[in-house]
C-alpha atoms as a PDB file:
ATOM      1  CA  MET A   1     100.051 109.522 105.607  1.00  0.00           C
ATOM      2  CA  SER A   2      98.604 111.893 108.462  1.00  0.00           C
ATOM      3  CA  PRO A   3      98.528 112.409 111.984  1.00  0.00           C
ATOM      4  CA  LEU A   4      94.797 113.605 111.624  1.00  0.00           C
ATOM      5  CA  GLY A   5      94.375 110.018 110.398  1.00  0.00           C
ATOM      6  CA  ARG A   6      91.742 109.370 107.596  1.00  0.00           C
ATOM      7  CA  VAL A   7      91.461 111.994 104.997  1.00  0.00           C
ATOM      8  CA  GLY A   8      87.801 111.361 103.065  1.00  0.00           C
ATOM      9  CA  GLY A   9      87.467 112.779  99.333  1.00  0.00           C
ATOM     10  CA  VAL A  10      84.694 115.316  98.793  1.00  0.00           C
ATOM     11  CA  VAL A  11      84.251 116.007  94.434  1.00  0.00           C
ATOM     12  CA  LEU A  12      81.878 118.835  93.901  1.00  0.00           C
ATOM     13  CA  ALA A  13      79.515 117.494  90.706  1.00  0.00           C
ATOM     14  CA  GLY A  14      76.018 119.949  90.991  1.00  0.00           C
ATOM     15  CA  GLY A  15      76.662 122.262  88.893  1.00  0.00           C
ATOM     16  CA  ARG A  16      74.482 122.863  86.029  1.00  0.00           C
ATOM     17  CA  SER A  17      77.644 123.016  83.365  1.00  0.00           C
ATOM     18  CA  ARG A  18      75.767 125.663  81.418  1.00  0.00           C
ATOM     19  CA  ARG A  19      78.530 127.351  79.905  1.00  0.00           C
ATOM     20  CA  PHE A  20      79.688 124.332  78.528  1.00  0.00           C
ATOM     21  CA  GLY A  21      76.102 123.558  77.041  1.00  0.00           C
ATOM     22  CA  THR A  22      76.123 119.946  78.533  1.00  0.00           C
ATOM     23  CA  ASP A  23      76.393 117.840  81.203  1.00  0.00           C
ATOM     24  CA  LYS A  24      80.047 118.304  81.359  1.00  0.00           C
ATOM     25  CA  LEU A  25      81.453 116.032  83.638  1.00  0.00           C
ATOM     26  CA  VAL A  26      80.505 112.865  81.215  1.00  0.00           C
ATOM     27  CA  ALA A  27      82.297 114.752  78.879  1.00  0.00           C
ATOM     28  CA  PRO A  28      85.526 112.431  77.319  1.00  0.00           C
ATOM     29  CA  TYR A  29      88.705 113.991  78.791  1.00  0.00           C
ATOM     30  CA  GLY A  30      91.193 111.447  77.179  1.00  0.00           C
ATOM     31  CA  ASP A  31      89.727 108.145  77.498  1.00  0.00           C
ATOM     32  CA  VAL A  32      87.431 108.422  80.333  1.00  0.00           C
ATOM     33  CA  PRO A  33      84.715 110.786  81.102  1.00  0.00           C
ATOM     34  CA  LEU A  34      86.328 113.984  82.767  1.00  0.00           C
ATOM     35  CA  LEU A  35      84.966 113.189  86.409  1.00  0.00           C
ATOM     36  CA  HIS A  36      86.826 110.535  86.797  1.00  0.00           C
ATOM     37  CA  ARG A  37      89.943 112.156  86.430  1.00  0.00           C
ATOM     38  CA  PRO A  38      89.757 113.823  89.852  1.00  0.00           C
ATOM     39  CA  ILE A  39      88.345 110.926  91.878  1.00  0.00           C
ATOM     40  CA  ALA A  40      91.414 108.953  90.402  1.00  0.00           C
ATOM     41  CA  ALA A  41      93.395 111.298  91.328  1.00  0.00           C
ATOM     42  CA  LEU A  42      91.764 111.148  94.974  1.00  0.00           C
ATOM     43  CA  SER A  43      91.614 107.334  95.209  1.00  0.00           C
ATOM     44  CA  GLY A  44      95.030 107.099  96.097  1.00  0.00           C
ATOM     45  CA  LEU A  45      94.867 109.372  99.059  1.00  0.00           C
ATOM     46  CA  CYS A  46      91.471 109.328 100.799  1.00  0.00           C
ATOM     47  CA  GLU A  47      89.760 106.009 101.975  1.00  0.00           C
ATOM     48  CA  GLU A  48      86.222 107.053 100.808  1.00  0.00           C
ATOM     49  CA  ILE A  49      85.029 109.090  97.835  1.00  0.00           C
ATOM     50  CA  LEU A  50      82.035 111.358  97.873  1.00  0.00           C
ATOM     51  CA  VAL A  51      80.867 112.472  94.993  1.00  0.00           C
ATOM     52  CA  ILE A  52      78.257 115.834  95.419  1.00  0.00           C
ATOM     53  CA  GLN A  53      75.338 116.121  92.469  1.00  0.00           C
ATOM     54  CA  ALA A  54      72.658 118.176  93.078  1.00  0.00           C
ATOM     55  CA  ALA A  55      69.111 116.851  94.398  1.00  0.00           C
ATOM     56  CA  ASP A  56      67.186 117.249  90.922  1.00  0.00           C
ATOM     57  CA  ALA A  57      70.080 115.728  88.962  1.00  0.00           C
ATOM     58  CA  GLN A  58      70.312 111.880  87.540  1.00  0.00           C
ATOM     59  CA  ASP A  59      72.956 109.879  89.416  1.00  0.00           C
ATOM     60  CA  LEU A  60      76.735 110.278  87.398  1.00  0.00           C
ATOM     61  CA  PRO A  61      78.472 107.096  86.362  1.00  0.00           C
ATOM     62  CA  LEU A  62      80.955 106.160  89.210  1.00  0.00           C
ATOM     63  CA  PRO A  63      83.957 104.617  88.346  1.00  0.00           C
ATOM     64  CA  PRO A  64      84.974 101.308  89.358  1.00  0.00           C
ATOM     65  CA  GLU A  65      88.316 102.380  92.072  1.00  0.00           C
ATOM     66  CA  PRO A  66      89.735 100.434  95.040  1.00  0.00           C
ATOM     67  CA  VAL A  67      88.380 102.944  97.604  1.00  0.00           C
ATOM     68  CA  VAL A  68      84.902 103.395  98.276  1.00  0.00           C
ATOM     69  CA  VAL A  69      82.901 105.488  96.254  1.00  0.00           C
ATOM     70  CA  ARG A  70      79.516 106.832  96.467  1.00  0.00           C
ATOM     71  CA  ILE A  71      77.443 109.771  95.522  1.00  0.00           C
ATOM     72  CA  VAL A  72      75.726 112.421  97.836  1.00  0.00           C
ATOM     73  CA  ARG A  73      72.964 114.811  97.470  1.00  0.00           C
ATOM     74  CA  ASP A  74      72.807 118.268  98.347  1.00  0.00           C
ATOM     75  CA  ALA A  75      69.654 118.634 100.498  1.00  0.00           C
ATOM     76  CA  THR A  76      68.825 122.165  98.440  1.00  0.00           C
ATOM     77  CA  LEU A  77      69.000 123.230  94.753  1.00  0.00           C
ATOM     78  CA  ASP A  78      71.634 125.736  93.166  1.00  0.00           C
ATOM     79  CA  GLN A  79      72.885 126.863  96.104  1.00  0.00           C
ATOM     80  CA  GLY A  80      76.681 127.109  94.963  1.00  0.00           C
ATOM     81  CA  PRO A  81      79.541 124.609  96.303  1.00  0.00           C
ATOM     82  CA  LEU A  82      79.784 126.040  99.901  1.00  0.00           C
ATOM     83  CA  ALA A  83      76.352 124.519  99.891  1.00  0.00           C
ATOM     84  CA  GLY A  84      77.925 121.545  98.256  1.00  0.00           C
ATOM     85  CA  THR A  85      81.524 121.749 100.154  1.00  0.00           C
ATOM     86  CA  VAL A  86      78.404 120.978 103.629  1.00  0.00           C
ATOM     87  CA  SER A  87      77.071 118.612 102.235  1.00  0.00           C
ATOM     88  CA  GLY A  88      80.451 116.599 101.996  1.00  0.00           C
ATOM     89  CA  LEU A  89      81.641 117.472 104.821  1.00  0.00           C
ATOM     90  CA  SER A  90      78.499 116.786 106.854  1.00  0.00           C
ATOM     91  CA  HIS A  91      78.792 112.634 105.348  1.00  0.00           C
ATOM     92  CA  THR A  92      82.361 112.273 105.713  1.00  0.00           C
ATOM     93  CA  GLU A  93      83.548 110.021 108.900  1.00  0.00           C
ATOM     94  CA  ALA A  94      87.075 111.169 108.250  1.00  0.00           C
ATOM     95  CA  PRO A  95      88.411 114.010 110.155  1.00  0.00           C
ATOM     96  CA  ALA A  96      90.222 115.366 107.432  1.00  0.00           C
ATOM     97  CA  ALA A  97      89.300 116.047 103.294  1.00  0.00           C
ATOM     98  CA  LEU A  98      90.335 117.049  99.875  1.00  0.00           C
ATOM     99  CA  VAL A  99      87.428 118.930  98.671  1.00  0.00           C
ATOM    100  CA  VAL A 100      87.856 119.572  94.835  1.00  0.00           C
ATOM    101  CA  ALA A 101      86.198 120.303  91.614  1.00  0.00           C
ATOM    102  CA  GLY A 102      84.480 117.875  89.666  1.00  0.00           C
ATOM    103  CA  ASP A 103      85.848 119.942  86.557  1.00  0.00           C
ATOM    104  CA  MET A 104      89.052 119.455  87.524  1.00  0.00           C
ATOM    105  CA  PRO A 105      91.114 116.923  85.466  1.00  0.00           C
ATOM    106  CA  GLU A 106      94.913 117.108  85.919  1.00  0.00           C
ATOM    107  CA  LEU A 107      95.166 117.415  89.898  1.00  0.00           C
ATOM    108  CA  SER A 108      98.828 116.498  90.922  1.00  0.00           C
ATOM    109  CA  VAL A 109      98.796 113.619  93.578  1.00  0.00           C
ATOM    110  CA  PRO A 110     102.232 115.026  94.871  1.00  0.00           C
ATOM    111  CA  VAL A 111     100.735 118.453  94.869  1.00  0.00           C
ATOM    112  CA  LEU A 112      97.604 117.351  97.304  1.00  0.00           C
ATOM    113  CA  ARG A 113      99.414 114.989  99.469  1.00  0.00           C
ATOM    114  CA  THR A 114     102.021 117.856 100.398  1.00  0.00           C
ATOM    115  CA  MET A 115      98.108 119.944 101.453  1.00  0.00           C
ATOM    116  CA  VAL A 116      96.552 116.772 103.837  1.00  0.00           C
ATOM    117  CA  ARG A 117     101.125 117.094 105.567  1.00  0.00           C
ATOM    118  CA  THR A 118     100.930 120.494 105.779  1.00  0.00           C
ATOM    119  CA  LEU A 119      97.368 120.421 107.174  1.00  0.00           C
ATOM    120  CA  ASN A 120      98.830 118.434 109.497  1.00  0.00           C
ATOM    121  CA  GLU A 121     100.678 120.972 110.993  1.00  0.00           C
ATOM    122  CA  PRO A 122      99.561 123.042 114.495  1.00  0.00           C
ATOM    123  CA  GLY A 123      97.240 125.528 113.982  1.00  0.00           C
ATOM    124  CA  VAL A 124      96.731 124.411 110.093  1.00  0.00           C
ATOM    125  CA  ASP A 125      92.697 124.196 109.405  1.00  0.00           C
ATOM    126  CA  ALA A 126      92.574 124.557 106.008  1.00  0.00           C
ATOM    127  CA  VAL A 127      94.660 124.686 103.094  1.00  0.00           C
ATOM    128  CA  TRP A 128      94.597 126.238  99.249  1.00  0.00           C
ATOM    129  CA  LEU A 129      96.738 127.048  96.854  1.00  0.00           C
ATOM    130  CA  ASP A 130      98.392 130.208  95.391  1.00  0.00           C
ATOM    131  CA  ASP A 131      98.231 130.640  91.983  1.00  0.00           C
ATOM    132  CA  GLY A 132     100.563 133.514  91.639  1.00  0.00           C
ATOM    133  CA  ASN A 133      97.961 136.246  92.128  1.00  0.00           C
ATOM    134  CA  ARG A 134      95.560 135.169  94.891  1.00  0.00           C
ATOM    135  CA  PRO A 135      94.893 131.653  96.584  1.00  0.00           C
ATOM    136  CA  ARG A 136      92.420 129.226  94.544  1.00  0.00           C
ATOM    137  CA  PRO A 137      89.169 127.910  96.280  1.00  0.00           C
ATOM    138  CA  PHE A 138      89.893 124.554  94.822  1.00  0.00           C
ATOM    139  CA  PRO A 139      91.658 122.011  95.616  1.00  0.00           C
ATOM    140  CA  LEU A 140      91.408 122.596  99.382  1.00  0.00           C
ATOM    141  CA  ALA A 141      92.423 120.582 102.343  1.00  0.00           C
ATOM    142  CA  LEU A 142      90.317 121.040 105.067  1.00  0.00           C
ATOM    143  CA  ARG A 143      90.168 119.499 109.050  1.00  0.00           C
ATOM    144  CA  VAL A 144      86.398 118.173 108.849  1.00  0.00           C
ATOM    145  CA  ALA A 145      85.378 119.635 112.467  1.00  0.00           C
ATOM    146  CA  PRO A 146      86.245 123.561 112.378  1.00  0.00           C
ATOM    147  CA  ALA A 147      85.675 123.764 108.244  1.00  0.00           C
ATOM    148  CA  LEU A 148      81.576 122.275 108.863  1.00  0.00           C
ATOM    149  CA  ALA A 149      80.739 124.456 111.669  1.00  0.00           C
ATOM    150  CA  ALA A 150      81.933 127.699 109.428  1.00  0.00           C
ATOM    151  CA  ALA A 151      80.864 126.806 106.376  1.00  0.00           C
ATOM    152  CA  GLN A 152      77.235 126.270 108.121  1.00  0.00           C
ATOM    153  CA  ARG A 153      77.701 129.539 109.842  1.00  0.00           C
ATOM    154  CA  LEU A 154      78.935 131.393 106.712  1.00  0.00           C
ATOM    155  CA  LEU A 155      75.870 129.447 104.701  1.00  0.00           C
ATOM    156  CA  GLU A 156      73.474 131.324 107.424  1.00  0.00           C
ATOM    157  CA  GLU A 157      74.866 134.331 107.153  1.00  0.00           C
ATOM    158  CA  GLY A 158      73.390 134.387 103.402  1.00  0.00           C
ATOM    159  CA  GLU A 159      77.461 133.878 102.387  1.00  0.00           C
ATOM    160  CA  ARG A 160      77.763 131.604  98.805  1.00  0.00           C
ATOM    161  CA  ARG A 161      81.387 132.458  97.328  1.00  0.00           C
ATOM    162  CA  MET A 162      83.442 129.033  97.913  1.00  0.00           C
ATOM    163  CA  ARG A 163      86.680 131.026  99.124  1.00  0.00           C
ATOM    164  CA  ALA A 164      84.845 132.268 101.622  1.00  0.00           C
ATOM    165  CA  LEU A 165      85.509 129.408 104.024  1.00  0.00           C
ATOM    166  CA  PRO A 166      89.233 129.034 103.525  1.00  0.00           C
ATOM    167  CA  ALA A 167      89.393 133.316 104.558  1.00  0.00           C
ATOM    168  CA  ALA A 168      86.844 132.592 107.549  1.00  0.00           C
ATOM    169  CA  LEU A 169      89.582 129.612 109.037  1.00  0.00           C
ATOM    170  CA  GLY A 170      92.483 131.614 108.322  1.00  0.00           C
ATOM    171  CA  ALA A 171      94.056 129.169 105.780  1.00  0.00           C
ATOM    172  CA  ARG A 172      97.479 128.484 105.036  1.00  0.00           C
ATOM    173  CA  VAL A 173      98.393 129.315 101.447  1.00  0.00           C
ATOM    174  CA  LEU A 174     100.834 127.025  99.813  1.00  0.00           C
ATOM    175  CA  PRO A 175     103.223 129.048  97.850  1.00  0.00           C
ATOM    176  CA  LEU A 176     103.233 128.796  93.479  1.00  0.00           C
ATOM    177  CA  GLU A 177     106.916 128.165  94.499  1.00  0.00           C
ATOM    178  CA  ILE A 178     106.224 125.146  96.491  1.00  0.00           C
ATOM    179  CA  TRP A 179     103.861 123.349  94.559  1.00  0.00           C
ATOM    180  CA  SER A 180     104.927 124.129  91.471  1.00  0.00           C
ATOM    181  CA  ALA A 181     107.981 121.942  92.148  1.00  0.00           C
ATOM    182  CA  LEU A 182     105.867 119.534  92.156  1.00  0.00           C
ATOM    183  CA  ASP A 183     103.185 120.232  89.058  1.00  0.00           C
ATOM    184  CA  PRO A 184     106.131 122.205  86.850  1.00  0.00           C
ATOM    185  CA  ARG A 185     103.151 122.957  84.179  1.00  0.00           C
ATOM    186  CA  ARG A 186     100.872 123.783  87.191  1.00  0.00           C
ATOM    187  CA  ARG A 187      97.977 121.398  85.689  1.00  0.00           C
ATOM    188  CA  THR A 188      96.529 121.078  88.732  1.00  0.00           C
ATOM    189  CA  LEU A 189      94.294 124.334  88.768  1.00  0.00           C
ATOM    190  CA  HIS A 190      92.911 123.472  85.706  1.00  0.00           C
ATOM    191  CA  ASP A 191      89.357 122.717  85.167  1.00  0.00           C
ATOM    192  CA  VAL A 192      87.025 122.852  82.259  1.00  0.00           C
ATOM    193  CA  ASP A 193      84.435 125.936  81.255  1.00  0.00           C
ATOM    194  CA  LEU A 194      83.711 125.015  77.484  1.00  0.00           C
ATOM    195  CA  PRO A 195      85.075 122.443  75.430  1.00  0.00           C
ATOM    196  CA  ARG A 196      87.396 124.036  73.684  1.00  0.00           C
ATOM    197  CA  ASP A 197      89.246 123.560  77.630  1.00  0.00           C
ATOM    198  CA  LEU A 198      88.986 119.600  76.576  1.00  0.00           C
ATOM    199  CA  PRO A 199      92.236 117.529  75.452  1.00  0.00           C
ATOM    200  CA  LEU A 200      92.216 117.526  71.346  1.00  0.00           C
ATOM    201  CA  GLU A 201      91.454 114.096  70.514  1.00  0.00           C
END
């Protein structure tokens, strides 16, 4: 699929679910736990998927998948998704990575695949999606080496915002009209913040 070769998956699952009230990643989304949905979307594109959890969290239940899925711990507590991304990029051996949030249950595989293909274009180190107003930090396609160096530098400078990483890399923005042709309902950007964001049974 990619001249870059192998693609790793990074699922950020270190949040505290404060707005949700309980651990939302184990809440049912359809017939599976919420966390299993983004893992399933990545499983067809990535040779290994890393689930990034807080240093003090109990292991989340992982689904049986045709690729390796393993848990990686954040080095420090409560440093946010940028630090979680560093943890993931530090543990993948793939030259490219797809970084997604664990609460994104409707990621479109064709959209993710298009992001990786765009990443293969000369001079592109990161790809993110335009939502019609501005680019969104997840999902994010990255070249691992430059992204890891940039993320570590940002953390050292005291930066914690996830969108600072693609901005620092001069990320290619995939226009809404391009990716929404593959995902007409634009559900790739759907995330679960509150119980009402779960589907009705």
